[in-house]
Protein backbone atom coordinates (compact mmCIF):
# COMPACT_ATOMS: atom_id res chain seq x y z
CA MET A 1 21.21 -34.25 3.69
CA GLY A 2 20.74 -30.53 3.51
CA THR A 3 19.52 -28.42 6.05
CA GLY A 4 18.08 -24.99 4.88
CA GLY A 5 14.74 -24.05 3.41
CA GLY A 6 13.17 -27.17 1.67
CA GLY A 7 16.44 -29.31 2.45
CA ALA A 8 14.46 -31.53 4.44
CA GLN A 9 11.91 -32.01 2.57
CA ASP A 10 13.95 -33.02 -0.60
CA ALA A 11 16.47 -35.25 1.49
CA ALA A 12 13.18 -37.08 3.00
CA GLN A 13 11.70 -37.18 -0.76
CA GLU A 14 14.72 -38.74 -1.85
CA LEU A 15 14.50 -41.46 0.81
CA LEU A 16 10.98 -42.17 0.03
CA ARG A 17 11.98 -42.41 -3.68
CA ARG A 18 14.42 -44.74 -2.87
CA ALA A 19 12.58 -46.78 -0.63
CA LYS A 20 9.40 -47.43 -3.46
CA GLN A 21 12.19 -48.35 -6.11
CA GLN A 22 13.72 -50.89 -3.28
CA GLY A 23 10.15 -52.04 -2.24
CA GLY A 24 10.57 -50.70 1.48
CA LEU A 25 12.86 -48.33 3.74
CA SER A 26 15.95 -49.44 4.67
CA LYS A 27 17.47 -49.54 8.20
CA GLY A 28 19.61 -47.05 7.54
CA ASP A 29 17.32 -44.96 5.22
CA ALA A 30 14.62 -45.43 8.11
CA ALA A 31 17.48 -43.67 10.80
CA ALA A 32 17.93 -40.61 8.43
CA LEU A 33 14.17 -40.20 8.27
CA ARG A 34 13.77 -40.17 11.85
CA GLU A 35 16.41 -37.37 12.13
CA LEU A 36 14.70 -35.72 9.44
CA LEU A 37 11.54 -35.60 11.09
CA LYS A 38 13.00 -34.14 14.58
CA ARG A 39 12.79 -30.80 12.10
CA ALA A 40 10.05 -28.81 12.47
CA GLU A 41 10.09 -27.43 8.61
CA LEU A 42 9.32 -31.19 7.23
CA ARG A 43 6.23 -31.61 10.02
CA GLU A 44 4.68 -28.75 8.87
CA ALA A 45 5.22 -29.29 5.17
CA VAL A 46 3.68 -32.82 5.08
CA GLY A 47 1.30 -31.74 7.97
CA GLY A 48 0.67 -33.95 10.91
CA GLU A 49 -1.12 -37.20 9.66
CA VAL A 50 1.61 -37.72 7.14
CA ALA A 51 4.15 -36.92 9.83
CA LYS A 52 2.87 -39.79 12.18
CA GLN A 53 2.86 -42.14 8.97
CA LEU A 54 6.38 -40.96 8.42
CA GLU A 55 7.34 -41.63 11.95
CA GLN A 56 5.92 -44.98 12.06
CA MET A 57 7.86 -46.15 8.95
CA SER A 58 11.03 -44.82 10.15
CA LYS A 59 10.72 -46.81 13.48
CA GLY A 60 10.63 -49.87 11.23
CA GLY A 61 6.91 -50.60 12.07
CA ARG A 62 4.53 -52.50 9.58
CA GLN A 63 2.21 -50.10 8.06
CA PRO A 64 -1.13 -51.31 8.55
CA LEU A 65 -3.87 -50.84 5.85
CA ARG A 66 -5.95 -48.20 7.10
CA ASP A 67 -9.78 -47.88 6.60
CA VAL A 68 -10.59 -45.45 4.35
CA LYS A 69 -12.85 -43.37 6.96
CA THR A 70 -9.51 -42.76 9.36
CA LEU A 71 -8.14 -41.15 6.15
CA LEU A 72 -10.68 -38.69 5.30
CA PRO A 73 -10.31 -34.85 6.17
CA ALA A 74 -12.72 -33.19 8.92
CA PHE A 75 -15.58 -32.23 6.81
CA ASP A 76 -17.02 -30.03 9.28
CA ARG A 77 -14.02 -27.18 8.48
CA LEU A 78 -14.63 -27.41 4.57
CA LEU A 79 -17.50 -25.33 4.46
CA ASP A 80 -17.01 -23.97 0.57
CA ALA A 81 -18.00 -25.96 -2.07
CA LYS A 82 -16.19 -24.14 -4.73
CA GLY A 83 -12.90 -25.54 -3.70
CA LEU A 84 -14.15 -29.08 -2.79
CA ALA A 85 -13.10 -30.78 -5.98
CA ALA A 86 -9.63 -29.56 -6.02
CA ARG A 87 -9.20 -30.65 -2.10
CA PHE A 88 -10.05 -33.96 -2.83
CA LYS A 89 -7.89 -34.25 -5.63
CA ALA A 90 -4.79 -32.87 -3.50
CA ASP A 91 -6.17 -35.07 -0.81
CA PHE A 92 -6.05 -38.44 -3.07
CA VAL A 93 -2.53 -37.59 -4.41
CA LEU A 94 -1.29 -37.10 -0.80
CA LEU A 95 -2.70 -40.17 0.21
CA LYS A 96 -2.39 -42.20 -2.54
CA GLY A 97 -0.04 -45.01 -1.02
CA ALA A 98 -2.32 -45.56 1.94
CA LEU A 99 -5.64 -45.70 -0.29
CA VAL A 100 -4.85 -47.74 -3.39
CA ASP A 101 -0.91 -48.43 -4.01
CA PHE A 102 -1.23 -50.72 -0.57
CA PRO A 103 1.07 -53.73 -0.89
CA GLY A 104 -1.56 -56.89 -1.15
CA LEU A 105 -4.72 -55.17 -2.19
CA THR A 106 -6.29 -56.33 -5.49
CA HIS A 107 -7.16 -53.95 -8.21
CA THR A 108 -11.03 -54.74 -7.09
CA GLN A 109 -9.99 -53.35 -3.69
CA GLN A 110 -8.22 -50.51 -4.88
CA ALA A 111 -11.20 -49.44 -7.12
CA GLN A 112 -13.45 -49.96 -4.14
CA ARG A 113 -11.14 -47.83 -1.62
CA ALA A 114 -10.51 -45.07 -4.44
CA PHE A 115 -14.50 -45.02 -5.09
CA ASP A 116 -15.38 -44.55 -1.13
CA PHE A 117 -12.85 -41.96 -0.85
CA PHE A 118 -14.50 -40.00 -3.69
CA GLY A 119 -17.97 -40.84 -2.20
CA ALA A 120 -17.32 -39.44 1.05
CA TYR A 121 -16.40 -36.07 -0.88
CA ALA A 122 -19.71 -36.33 -3.05
CA LYS A 123 -21.67 -36.75 0.03
CA HIS A 124 -20.37 -33.69 1.49
CA LEU A 125 -21.08 -31.44 -1.44
CA ALA A 126 -24.74 -32.63 -1.42
CA ALA A 127 -24.77 -31.64 2.39
CA LEU A 128 -23.22 -28.15 1.94
CA HIS A 129 -26.15 -27.28 -1.24
CA ALA A 130 -28.69 -28.78 1.07
CA GLY A 131 -27.59 -26.49 3.82
CA GLU A 132 -26.78 -29.44 6.28
CA VAL A 133 -23.30 -27.97 7.19
CA LYS A 134 -23.55 -24.92 9.58
CA GLY A 135 -21.83 -22.35 8.13
CA GLY A 136 -21.32 -23.79 4.85
CA HIS A 137 -21.72 -22.16 0.99
CA GLY A 138 -23.15 -24.22 -2.28
CA GLY A 139 -22.09 -23.17 -5.51
CA ASN A 140 -22.49 -23.67 -9.23
CA ARG A 141 -23.89 -27.07 -9.22
CA ALA A 142 -23.03 -28.05 -13.05
CA GLU A 143 -19.42 -26.21 -12.41
CA LEU A 144 -18.58 -28.01 -9.58
CA VAL A 145 -19.68 -31.30 -11.17
CA ALA A 146 -17.49 -30.55 -14.11
CA GLU A 147 -14.32 -29.60 -11.55
CA PHE A 148 -15.21 -33.19 -10.08
CA GLU A 149 -15.44 -35.10 -13.38
CA ALA A 150 -12.02 -33.34 -14.57
CA ALA A 151 -10.45 -34.73 -11.25
CA LEU A 152 -11.32 -38.32 -11.50
CA LYS A 153 -9.85 -38.02 -15.08
CA ASP A 154 -6.58 -36.50 -14.10
CA LEU A 155 -6.24 -39.17 -11.12
CA GLY A 156 -7.13 -41.86 -13.55
CA LEU A 157 -10.33 -42.98 -11.58
CA ASP A 158 -12.12 -42.56 -14.88
CA LYS A 159 -11.03 -46.30 -15.18
CA LEU A 160 -13.38 -47.42 -12.05
CA VAL A 161 -16.51 -49.32 -13.36
CA ASP A 162 -19.84 -50.43 -11.30
CA VAL A 163 -20.01 -54.17 -11.04
CA HIS A 164 -23.82 -54.23 -11.46
CA THR A 165 -24.49 -52.04 -14.38
CA GLY A 166 -20.77 -51.74 -16.01
CA GLU A 167 -21.36 -47.63 -16.14
CA SER A 168 -18.30 -45.75 -15.58
CA LEU A 169 -17.29 -43.76 -12.48
CA ILE A 170 -17.68 -40.57 -14.43
CA LYS A 171 -21.33 -41.26 -15.17
CA VAL A 172 -22.14 -42.45 -11.58
CA ALA A 173 -20.69 -39.84 -9.92
CA ARG A 174 -22.86 -37.36 -11.91
CA GLY A 175 -25.67 -38.83 -10.04
CA LEU A 176 -23.78 -38.77 -6.75
CA LEU A 177 -22.41 -35.35 -7.15
CA MET A 178 -26.19 -33.99 -7.79
CA ALA A 179 -27.74 -35.72 -5.35
CA ARG A 180 -30.27 -33.41 -3.27
CA SER A 181 -29.17 -34.18 0.28
CA ALA A 182 -26.30 -36.26 2.19
CA ASP A 183 -28.97 -39.12 2.85
CA GLU A 184 -29.40 -39.44 -0.57
CA ALA A 185 -26.04 -39.65 -1.56
CA GLU A 186 -25.50 -42.02 1.12
CA ARG A 187 -28.33 -44.39 -0.41
CA ARG A 188 -26.72 -43.89 -3.70
CA LEU A 189 -23.75 -45.11 -2.53
CA LYS A 190 -24.70 -48.03 -0.70
CA LYS A 191 -26.02 -49.50 -4.20
CA LEU A 192 -22.72 -49.23 -5.96
CA SER A 193 -19.75 -51.56 -6.21
CA MET A 194 -16.67 -50.60 -8.08
CA ASP A 195 -13.68 -52.49 -9.84
CA ALA A 196 -10.95 -51.57 -12.01
CA PRO A 197 -10.14 -53.93 -14.61
CA SER A 198 -7.61 -52.59 -16.31
CA TRP A 199 -5.93 -52.03 -12.99
CA LYS A 200 -3.02 -54.27 -11.61
CA ASP A 201 -3.03 -56.06 -8.62
CA ASN A 202 -0.60 -54.63 -5.92
CA LEU A 203 0.73 -58.03 -4.84
CA ALA A 204 4.26 -57.20 -3.72
CA ALA A 205 6.30 -59.18 -1.35
CA ASP A 206 6.48 -58.72 2.13
CA ALA A 207 9.03 -56.05 2.22
CA GLY A 208 9.53 -56.71 6.15
CA ARG A 209 11.45 -60.12 5.66
CA ARG A 210 14.39 -58.01 3.69
CA GLY A 211 14.67 -55.61 6.74
CA THR A 212 12.70 -52.88 5.61
CA VAL A 213 9.16 -51.27 6.21
CA GLU A 214 6.13 -50.60 3.60
CA LEU A 215 5.84 -47.63 2.19
CA GLY A 216 2.67 -46.31 2.91
CA VAL A 217 2.98 -42.78 1.03
CA SER A 218 3.73 -41.02 -1.90
CA PRO A 219 7.22 -39.42 -2.09
CA GLU A 220 5.96 -36.84 -4.24
CA ILE A 221 3.94 -34.99 -1.51
CA LEU A 222 7.06 -34.02 0.31
CA THR A 223 7.38 -31.09 -2.12
CA GLY A 224 4.20 -29.87 0.07
CA LYS A 225 0.76 -31.18 2.06
CA HIS A 226 -1.04 -29.77 -1.41
CA ARG A 227 1.30 -29.83 -4.33
CA ALA A 228 -1.99 -30.03 -6.49
CA LEU A 229 -3.73 -27.07 -4.88
CA ARG A 230 -0.23 -25.19 -4.98
CA ARG A 231 0.28 -25.59 -8.41
CA ALA A 232 -3.01 -24.40 -9.51
CA LYS A 233 -2.53 -21.32 -7.56
CA GLN A 234 0.29 -21.08 -9.27
CA GLU A 235 -1.16 -20.79 -12.30
CA GLU A 236 -4.09 -18.62 -11.81
CA ALA A 237 -1.35 -16.16 -10.12
CA GLU A 238 0.60 -16.52 -13.29
CA GLU A 239 -2.05 -16.06 -15.75
CA ALA A 240 -3.24 -12.93 -13.46
CA LYS A 241 0.05 -11.46 -13.78
CA ARG A 242 0.09 -11.81 -17.67
CA ARG A 243 -3.72 -10.06 -18.02
CA LYS A 244 -1.96 -7.51 -15.80
CA GLY A 245 0.80 -6.95 -17.68
CA ARG A 246 -1.09 -6.95 -21.13
CA SER A 247 -3.84 -4.19 -19.43
CA GLY A 248 -2.75 -0.74 -20.90
CA LYS A 249 0.16 -2.09 -22.93
CA LEU A 250 1.04 -2.89 -26.65
CA GLY A 251 2.40 -5.95 -26.36
CA LEU A 252 4.00 -8.33 -29.17
CA ASN A 253 0.70 -10.10 -30.10
CA MET A 254 -1.33 -6.99 -30.05
CA LEU A 255 1.45 -5.10 -31.99
CA TRP A 256 1.40 -8.09 -34.57
CA ASN A 257 -2.30 -8.25 -34.82
CA VAL A 258 -2.56 -4.04 -35.10
CA LEU A 259 0.31 -4.50 -37.99
CA HIS A 260 -1.63 -7.56 -39.51
CA LEU A 261 -4.95 -5.64 -39.36
CA GLY A 262 -3.53 -2.66 -41.10
CA ARG A 263 -1.76 -4.88 -43.74
CA ALA A 264 -5.10 -6.59 -44.46
CA GLN A 265 -6.80 -3.12 -44.86
CA SER A 266 -4.55 -1.96 -47.24
CA ASP A 267 -4.50 -5.28 -49.26
CA GLU A 268 -8.32 -4.96 -49.31
CA GLU A 269 -8.00 -0.87 -50.47
CA ARG A 270 -5.95 -2.27 -53.16
CA LEU A 271 -7.98 -5.39 -54.37
CA GLU A 272 -10.88 -2.55 -54.22
CA HIS A 273 -9.25 -0.29 -56.48
CA GLN A 274 -8.14 -2.69 -58.78
CA ASP A 275 -12.02 -4.12 -59.34
CA ASN A 276 -12.76 -0.24 -59.84
CA LEU A 277 -10.12 -0.02 -62.91
CA ASN A 278 -11.04 -3.26 -64.09
CA ARG A 279 -14.41 -2.16 -64.41
CA LEU A 280 -13.70 1.09 -65.70
CA ILE A 281 -11.58 -0.54 -68.34
CA ILE A 282 -14.58 -3.20 -69.28
CA SER A 283 -17.13 0.05 -69.75
CA ALA A 284 -14.86 1.67 -72.01
CA GLY A 285 -14.58 -1.09 -74.36
CA LEU A 286 -18.23 -1.21 -74.27
CA LEU A 287 -18.77 1.84 -75.05
CA VAL A 288 -16.10 2.11 -78.00
CA LEU A 289 -18.02 -1.21 -79.40
CA LEU A 290 -21.32 0.17 -79.32
CA LEU A 291 -20.00 3.30 -81.08
CA ALA A 292 -18.41 1.12 -83.83
CA VAL A 293 -21.57 -0.73 -84.18
CA VAL A 294 -23.68 2.94 -84.53
CA ALA A 295 -21.11 4.16 -86.90
CA VAL A 296 -21.63 0.91 -89.38
CA ALA A 297 -25.44 1.05 -89.05
CA LEU A 298 -25.43 4.69 -90.41
CA VAL A 299 -23.05 3.76 -93.58
CA PHE A 300 -25.76 1.11 -94.15
CA LEU A 301 -28.65 3.55 -93.82
CA ARG A 302 -27.14 6.05 -96.35
C-alpha cells in the first residue's frame, strides 16, 4: 500500500473497487482497510460521515440501510443558493451507495429514496429564497432551476416519474424549485411518489454469508469528498487561465482569424476590380455598336 500523498486514498479506493466486483469486502481486505483508516489523510479526504461507514465496514459489520434524513447535510450551514445544485450533485455521488445502490432495494424504493434526497435540497432552496434561513442568500431563480435540472440529468434521475401523473422528475422538479416557501415545497413533496421503471432491482445476494460485508459507499468518492465540485472548479480555473492567456496576446486562433480576414478582404477587392473591368468592357462594346448603327444610318440618309 502506498503511504505518501494520496497513497492511502488510492489504496482504499482499490479495496472498494475489488469489493464492488466481488459483492463485498473480504476479511483480508477489511483488515487492510482498518489500517488505512488510521491515517489522517484518508479520513480528512472523505470526511467524517464516510469515514464512519468505512470503519464499520472494515470491522465486518453489516451495513444497515439508513434513513435518507440521516444522509442529508447540515442545511443551516449551506447559506448560498448559488452553489446548492453543485453541492446536491456532489453529495449524491458521495452517498450513492447508501442511497440507491444498497442491496435489496427495488427500483421503486431506489427512485423514492433518490427523490426524497433531492426534495430536501429543493425545500432548502425555497427557504433561502423566502428569507427563512438566517444569513442565507438567494440567487437568480431561473439559473438555479437550470443548474438543478442539469444535475438531475447528469445523475440519471431524469428517469424518475410520478406514479400518479406519469410526469417526469424534471417537470415535477420545476414546481418544487419554484416554491415560494419551505412549507409550500413540503406540501408539494407529500403529494408525490416516484418510480423508475427503467431501473433494475438491486436484489443482490447477502454478501455476509460469504464472509464479506456489504458495500455501502461508492469507491469513486475516495479521490476526494466532492469530486464533482473539484472537477467543476478545476474546469473554471482552466477556462480562466485560457482567457488570461489570450488577453493582450495574438494567439494562434486570433492569428488565423486575422490572416483569414485579410485574405477575404483581398479576394473581395479582386472580385470588385474584376466586376469594374467587366462593366468597362461591356460599356465599350455598347459604345462601338452604337457608333456603327449611327454610321449605317448616315449612309442611308445620303
